[in-house]
Amino acid sequence: MEQYILLIFIALGYLCGSIPFGYIISKIKKIDITKQGSGNIGATNVSRALGFKCAFLVAFLDVIKALLPIYIASHYISNEWFMVLVMMSTSIGHIFPVWLKFKGGKAVSTVFSSILYILNWKAFVFLALWAIMLKLIKIMSLTNLIIILLIPILFWTESHSIPYVSLGIIYILIIYWSHRENIKRLLKGEEKRVVK
């Protein structure tokens, strides 16, 4: 029975993850974010086109859209490997949204939803560390690429769960893959700074 419930929540996670809040909010502001800057629908590109307030709203909604199916699923699914699949489905939906011809964001916000679920309030300590690193490094993509390396360690110290540590490793691969163009620009010294 739990296998069938899993399929339902994987589908729900994917569909919720696919909601392109960056695109929707930019459209409300009469801007097509896919034609601005990097063309990405994530909060970083929104910040360049519409400013910090809109970017914060996009990031917040992207976290919530992934967190909702994860928390609902946790009340029906006890198997941690199954929960890993549900959490992954939200990020896959964000990167490959069905509503935008499978061209979406980079999954940083949806990954944070899983961090919030697994670490609980300690996720905000992680968020504070991320903010400090961003202030020092001043490049969003590089900050994300560095801090994501901590996730398997944090998942282990909090849960001692092999499935969740495995999820942390998978998230490293996902984030590095979704940031592949950023990595190329970083290597060339061409990546833009997002804070002064």
C-alpha atoms as a PDB file:
ATOM      1  CA  MET A   1       0.000   0.000   0.000  1.00  0.00           C
ATOM      2  CA  GLU A   2       2.797   2.430   0.918  1.00  0.00           C
ATOM      3  CA  GLN A   3       4.265   1.987  -2.580  1.00  0.00           C
ATOM      4  CA  TYR A   4       1.061   3.338  -4.128  1.00  0.00           C
ATOM      5  CA  ILE A   5       0.996   6.228  -1.658  1.00  0.00           C
ATOM      6  CA  LEU A   6       4.623   6.918  -2.615  1.00  0.00           C
ATOM      7  CA  LEU A   7       3.707   7.257  -6.300  1.00  0.00           C
ATOM      8  CA  ILE A   8       0.982   9.747  -5.416  1.00  0.00           C
ATOM      9  CA  PHE A   9       3.382  11.882  -3.391  1.00  0.00           C
ATOM     10  CA  ILE A  10       6.140  11.698  -5.997  1.00  0.00           C
ATOM     11  CA  ALA A  11       3.641  13.033  -8.542  1.00  0.00           C
ATOM     12  CA  LEU A  12       2.448  15.680  -6.074  1.00  0.00           C
ATOM     13  CA  GLY A  13       6.026  16.650  -5.243  1.00  0.00           C
ATOM     14  CA  TYR A  14       6.908  16.988  -8.906  1.00  0.00           C
ATOM     15  CA  LEU A  15       3.816  19.055  -9.748  1.00  0.00           C
ATOM     16  CA  CYS A  16       4.266  21.350  -6.733  1.00  0.00           C
ATOM     17  CA  GLY A  17       7.954  21.702  -7.512  1.00  0.00           C
ATOM     18  CA  SER A  18       7.035  22.611 -11.072  1.00  0.00           C
ATOM     19  CA  ILE A  19       5.058  25.712 -10.055  1.00  0.00           C
ATOM     20  CA  PRO A  20       7.210  28.491 -11.594  1.00  0.00           C
ATOM     21  CA  PHE A  21       6.776  31.271  -9.064  1.00  0.00           C
ATOM     22  CA  GLY A  22       9.666  33.259 -10.543  1.00  0.00           C
ATOM     23  CA  TYR A  23       7.938  33.227 -13.924  1.00  0.00           C
ATOM     24  CA  ILE A  24       4.496  33.968 -12.465  1.00  0.00           C
ATOM     25  CA  ILE A  25       5.636  36.909 -10.341  1.00  0.00           C
ATOM     26  CA  SER A  26       7.683  38.395 -13.161  1.00  0.00           C
ATOM     27  CA  LYS A  27       4.677  38.094 -15.475  1.00  0.00           C
ATOM     28  CA  ILE A  28       2.554  39.941 -12.914  1.00  0.00           C
ATOM     29  CA  LYS A  29       5.222  42.659 -13.086  1.00  0.00           C
ATOM     30  CA  LYS A  30       4.915  42.531 -16.891  1.00  0.00           C
ATOM     31  CA  ILE A  31       8.360  41.003 -17.369  1.00  0.00           C
ATOM     32  CA  ASP A  32       9.221  37.657 -18.934  1.00  0.00           C
ATOM     33  CA  ILE A  33      12.002  36.457 -16.642  1.00  0.00           C
ATOM     34  CA  THR A  34      13.011  33.781 -19.155  1.00  0.00           C
ATOM     35  CA  LYS A  35      14.166  36.613 -21.421  1.00  0.00           C
ATOM     36  CA  GLN A  36      16.001  38.551 -18.723  1.00  0.00           C
ATOM     37  CA  GLY A  37      19.601  38.035 -17.595  1.00  0.00           C
ATOM     38  CA  SER A  38      20.429  34.337 -17.481  1.00  0.00           C
ATOM     39  CA  GLY A  39      16.851  33.406 -18.405  1.00  0.00           C
ATOM     40  CA  ASN A  40      16.554  31.387 -15.207  1.00  0.00           C
ATOM     41  CA  ILE A  41      13.305  31.548 -13.220  1.00  0.00           C
ATOM     42  CA  GLY A  42      15.055  31.386  -9.837  1.00  0.00           C
ATOM     43  CA  ALA A  43      15.340  34.077  -7.187  1.00  0.00           C
ATOM     44  CA  THR A  44      18.840  35.197  -8.206  1.00  0.00           C
ATOM     45  CA  ASN A  45      17.802  36.136 -11.730  1.00  0.00           C
ATOM     46  CA  VAL A  46      14.574  37.665 -10.404  1.00  0.00           C
ATOM     47  CA  SER A  47      16.640  39.853  -8.066  1.00  0.00           C
ATOM     48  CA  ARG A  48      18.531  41.292 -11.027  1.00  0.00           C
ATOM     49  CA  ALA A  49      15.354  42.013 -12.965  1.00  0.00           C
ATOM     50  CA  LEU A  50      12.879  42.970 -10.239  1.00  0.00           C
ATOM     51  CA  GLY A  51      14.870  43.639  -7.076  1.00  0.00           C
ATOM     52  CA  PHE A  52      15.338  42.050  -3.670  1.00  0.00           C
ATOM     53  CA  LYS A  53      11.702  42.083  -2.481  1.00  0.00           C
ATOM     54  CA  CYS A  54      10.436  40.115  -5.472  1.00  0.00           C
ATOM     55  CA  ALA A  55      13.414  37.769  -5.259  1.00  0.00           C
ATOM     56  CA  PHE A  56      12.732  37.098  -1.568  1.00  0.00           C
ATOM     57  CA  LEU A  57       9.078  36.367  -2.347  1.00  0.00           C
ATOM     58  CA  VAL A  58      10.074  33.947  -5.110  1.00  0.00           C
ATOM     59  CA  ALA A  59      12.573  32.165  -2.847  1.00  0.00           C
ATOM     60  CA  PHE A  60      10.017  31.926  -0.019  1.00  0.00           C
ATOM     61  CA  LEU A  61       7.311  30.508  -2.295  1.00  0.00           C
ATOM     62  CA  ASP A  62       9.755  28.072  -3.879  1.00  0.00           C
ATOM     63  CA  VAL A  63      10.647  26.746  -0.422  1.00  0.00           C
ATOM     64  CA  ILE A  64       6.981  26.437   0.580  1.00  0.00           C
ATOM     65  CA  LYS A  65       5.921  24.688  -2.639  1.00  0.00           C
ATOM     66  CA  ALA A  66       8.444  21.922  -1.945  1.00  0.00           C
ATOM     67  CA  LEU A  67       8.001  21.798   1.808  1.00  0.00           C
ATOM     68  CA  LEU A  68       4.230  21.274   1.631  1.00  0.00           C
ATOM     69  CA  PRO A  69       4.210  17.886  -0.163  1.00  0.00           C
ATOM     70  CA  ILE A  70       7.203  16.732   1.904  1.00  0.00           C
ATOM     71  CA  TYR A  71       5.449  17.407   5.213  1.00  0.00           C
ATOM     72  CA  ILE A  72       2.162  15.934   4.049  1.00  0.00           C
ATOM     73  CA  ALA A  73       3.968  12.823   2.794  1.00  0.00           C
ATOM     74  CA  SER A  74       5.755  12.415   6.140  1.00  0.00           C
ATOM     75  CA  HIS A  75       2.371  11.724   7.783  1.00  0.00           C
ATOM     76  CA  TYR A  76       1.699   8.803   5.438  1.00  0.00           C
ATOM     77  CA  ILE A  77       5.172   7.464   4.628  1.00  0.00           C
ATOM     78  CA  SER A  78       7.502   5.972   7.238  1.00  0.00           C
ATOM     79  CA  ASN A  79      10.186   4.557   4.940  1.00  0.00           C
ATOM     80  CA  GLU A  80      13.089   7.036   4.749  1.00  0.00           C
ATOM     81  CA  TRP A  81      14.131   5.891   1.273  1.00  0.00           C
ATOM     82  CA  PHE A  82      10.592   6.649   0.103  1.00  0.00           C
ATOM     83  CA  MET A  83      10.801  10.090   1.704  1.00  0.00           C
ATOM     84  CA  VAL A  84      14.073  10.677  -0.157  1.00  0.00           C
ATOM     85  CA  LEU A  85      12.233  10.057  -3.436  1.00  0.00           C
ATOM     86  CA  VAL A  86       9.483  12.512  -2.484  1.00  0.00           C
ATOM     87  CA  MET A  87      12.041  15.194  -1.559  1.00  0.00           C
ATOM     88  CA  MET A  88      13.946  14.629  -4.793  1.00  0.00           C
ATOM     89  CA  SER A  89      10.751  14.893  -6.839  1.00  0.00           C
ATOM     90  CA  THR A  90      10.215  18.495  -5.730  1.00  0.00           C
ATOM     91  CA  SER A  91      13.666  19.546  -6.942  1.00  0.00           C
ATOM     92  CA  ILE A  92      13.270  17.640 -10.200  1.00  0.00           C
ATOM     93  CA  GLY A  93       9.979  19.450 -10.728  1.00  0.00           C
ATOM     94  CA  HIS A  94      11.660  22.791 -10.070  1.00  0.00           C
ATOM     95  CA  ILE A  95      14.472  22.111 -12.547  1.00  0.00           C
ATOM     96  CA  PHE A  96      12.208  20.517 -15.169  1.00  0.00           C
ATOM     97  CA  PRO A  97       8.772  22.167 -14.771  1.00  0.00           C
ATOM     98  CA  VAL A  98       6.106  20.674 -16.996  1.00  0.00           C
ATOM     99  CA  TRP A  99       4.490  24.116 -17.330  1.00  0.00           C
ATOM    100  CA  LEU A 100       7.577  25.745 -18.907  1.00  0.00           C
ATOM    101  CA  LYS A 101       8.684  23.076 -21.369  1.00  0.00           C
ATOM    102  CA  PHE A 102      10.922  21.547 -18.682  1.00  0.00           C
ATOM    103  CA  LYS A 103      13.150  24.618 -18.366  1.00  0.00           C
ATOM    104  CA  GLY A 104      13.182  25.807 -14.772  1.00  0.00           C
ATOM    105  CA  GLY A 105      15.393  26.864 -11.886  1.00  0.00           C
ATOM    106  CA  LYS A 106      18.467  25.441 -10.175  1.00  0.00           C
ATOM    107  CA  ALA A 107      16.778  23.794  -7.172  1.00  0.00           C
ATOM    108  CA  VAL A 108      18.548  25.729  -4.403  1.00  0.00           C
ATOM    109  CA  SER A 109      15.283  26.766  -2.734  1.00  0.00           C
ATOM    110  CA  THR A 110      13.685  23.330  -3.078  1.00  0.00           C
ATOM    111  CA  VAL A 111      16.814  21.693  -1.650  1.00  0.00           C
ATOM    112  CA  PHE A 112      16.501  24.047   1.328  1.00  0.00           C
ATOM    113  CA  SER A 113      13.002  22.634   1.877  1.00  0.00           C
ATOM    114  CA  SER A 114      14.539  19.214   2.475  1.00  0.00           C
ATOM    115  CA  ILE A 115      17.158  20.781   4.744  1.00  0.00           C
ATOM    116  CA  LEU A 116      14.354  22.436   6.705  1.00  0.00           C
ATOM    117  CA  TYR A 117      12.477  19.152   6.992  1.00  0.00           C
ATOM    118  CA  ILE A 118      15.490  17.137   8.162  1.00  0.00           C
ATOM    119  CA  LEU A 119      17.288  19.721  10.314  1.00  0.00           C
ATOM    120  CA  ASN A 120      14.182  21.512  11.654  1.00  0.00           C
ATOM    121  CA  TRP A 121      15.111  24.797  13.387  1.00  0.00           C
ATOM    122  CA  LYS A 122      18.804  24.116  12.814  1.00  0.00           C
ATOM    123  CA  ALA A 123      18.152  24.814   9.138  1.00  0.00           C
ATOM    124  CA  PHE A 124      18.027  28.510  10.029  1.00  0.00           C
ATOM    125  CA  VAL A 125      21.543  28.256  11.450  1.00  0.00           C
ATOM    126  CA  PHE A 126      22.531  26.790   8.096  1.00  0.00           C
ATOM    127  CA  LEU A 127      20.729  29.676   6.380  1.00  0.00           C
ATOM    128  CA  ALA A 128      22.605  32.206   8.517  1.00  0.00           C
ATOM    129  CA  LEU A 129      25.895  30.534   7.585  1.00  0.00           C
ATOM    130  CA  TRP A 130      24.904  30.714   3.915  1.00  0.00           C
ATOM    131  CA  ALA A 131      24.144  34.453   4.278  1.00  0.00           C
ATOM    132  CA  ILE A 132      27.505  35.100   5.937  1.00  0.00           C
ATOM    133  CA  MET A 133      29.318  33.194   3.204  1.00  0.00           C
ATOM    134  CA  LEU A 134      27.448  35.116   0.522  1.00  0.00           C
ATOM    135  CA  LYS A 135      28.413  38.402   2.172  1.00  0.00           C
ATOM    136  CA  LEU A 136      32.078  37.351   2.177  1.00  0.00           C
ATOM    137  CA  ILE A 137      32.250  35.639  -1.212  1.00  0.00           C
ATOM    138  CA  LYS A 138      29.810  38.022  -2.972  1.00  0.00           C
ATOM    139  CA  ILE A 139      28.992  35.484  -5.686  1.00  0.00           C
ATOM    140  CA  MET A 140      25.723  33.571  -5.323  1.00  0.00           C
ATOM    141  CA  SER A 141      26.624  30.531  -7.404  1.00  0.00           C
ATOM    142  CA  LEU A 142      29.994  29.996  -5.715  1.00  0.00           C
ATOM    143  CA  THR A 143      28.380  30.307  -2.292  1.00  0.00           C
ATOM    144  CA  ASN A 144      25.809  27.664  -3.240  1.00  0.00           C
ATOM    145  CA  LEU A 145      28.454  25.345  -4.669  1.00  0.00           C
ATOM    146  CA  ILE A 146      30.546  25.538  -1.502  1.00  0.00           C
ATOM    147  CA  ILE A 147      27.846  25.294   1.143  1.00  0.00           C
ATOM    148  CA  ILE A 148      26.042  22.371  -0.506  1.00  0.00           C
ATOM    149  CA  LEU A 149      29.114  20.260   0.312  1.00  0.00           C
ATOM    150  CA  LEU A 150      28.144  20.475   3.995  1.00  0.00           C
ATOM    151  CA  ILE A 151      24.730  18.900   3.501  1.00  0.00           C
ATOM    152  CA  PRO A 152      25.630  15.180   3.804  1.00  0.00           C
ATOM    153  CA  ILE A 153      27.597  15.923   6.978  1.00  0.00           C
ATOM    154  CA  LEU A 154      24.741  17.930   8.495  1.00  0.00           C
ATOM    155  CA  PHE A 155      22.196  15.276   7.545  1.00  0.00           C
ATOM    156  CA  TRP A 156      24.338  12.618   9.223  1.00  0.00           C
ATOM    157  CA  THR A 157      24.918  14.568  12.424  1.00  0.00           C
ATOM    158  CA  GLU A 158      21.204  15.311  12.730  1.00  0.00           C
ATOM    159  CA  SER A 159      19.641  12.017  11.640  1.00  0.00           C
ATOM    160  CA  HIS A 160      22.339   9.298  11.430  1.00  0.00           C
ATOM    161  CA  SER A 161      20.293   8.149   8.458  1.00  0.00           C
ATOM    162  CA  ILE A 162      21.958   6.481   5.459  1.00  0.00           C
ATOM    163  CA  PRO A 163      19.020   7.432   3.183  1.00  0.00           C
ATOM    164  CA  TYR A 164      19.269  11.111   4.153  1.00  0.00           C
ATOM    165  CA  VAL A 165      23.056  11.169   3.810  1.00  0.00           C
ATOM    166  CA  SER A 166      22.597   9.614   0.371  1.00  0.00           C
ATOM    167  CA  LEU A 167      20.092  12.364  -0.404  1.00  0.00           C
ATOM    168  CA  GLY A 168      22.689  14.953   0.608  1.00  0.00           C
ATOM    169  CA  ILE A 169      25.185  13.446  -1.832  1.00  0.00           C
ATOM    170  CA  ILE A 170      22.555  13.385  -4.580  1.00  0.00           C
ATOM    171  CA  TYR A 171      21.796  17.039  -3.884  1.00  0.00           C
ATOM    172  CA  ILE A 172      25.474  17.893  -4.383  1.00  0.00           C
ATOM    173  CA  LEU A 173      25.308  16.259  -7.812  1.00  0.00           C
ATOM    174  CA  ILE A 174      22.037  18.012  -8.660  1.00  0.00           C
ATOM    175  CA  ILE A 175      23.275  21.452  -7.608  1.00  0.00           C
ATOM    176  CA  TYR A 176      26.581  21.080  -9.424  1.00  0.00           C
ATOM    177  CA  TRP A 177      24.756  19.895 -12.546  1.00  0.00           C
ATOM    178  CA  SER A 178      22.209  22.720 -12.425  1.00  0.00           C
ATOM    179  CA  HIS A 179      25.056  25.220 -11.931  1.00  0.00           C
ATOM    180  CA  ARG A 180      27.179  23.857 -14.769  1.00  0.00           C
ATOM    181  CA  GLU A 181      26.997  27.120 -16.751  1.00  0.00           C
ATOM    182  CA  ASN A 182      27.871  29.090 -13.614  1.00  0.00           C
ATOM    183  CA  ILE A 183      30.877  26.831 -13.070  1.00  0.00           C
ATOM    184  CA  LYS A 184      32.085  27.590 -16.595  1.00  0.00           C
ATOM    185  CA  ARG A 185      31.763  31.325 -15.933  1.00  0.00           C
ATOM    186  CA  LEU A 186      33.496  30.982 -12.564  1.00  0.00           C
ATOM    187  CA  LEU A 187      36.442  29.234 -14.190  1.00  0.00           C
ATOM    188  CA  LYS A 188      36.656  32.053 -16.735  1.00  0.00           C
ATOM    189  CA  GLY A 189      36.288  34.735 -14.046  1.00  0.00           C
ATOM    190  CA  GLU A 190      33.097  35.986 -15.691  1.00  0.00           C
ATOM    191  CA  GLU A 191      30.490  35.179 -13.014  1.00  0.00           C
ATOM    192  CA  LYS A 192      28.546  38.215 -11.836  1.00  0.00           C
ATOM    193  CA  ARG A 193      28.513  39.377  -8.244  1.00  0.00           C
ATOM    194  CA  VAL A 194      25.111  39.807  -6.689  1.00  0.00           C
ATOM    195  CA  VAL A 195      26.015  41.850  -3.598  1.00  0.00           C
ATOM    196  CA  LYS A 196      28.292  44.835  -3.256  1.00  0.00           C
END
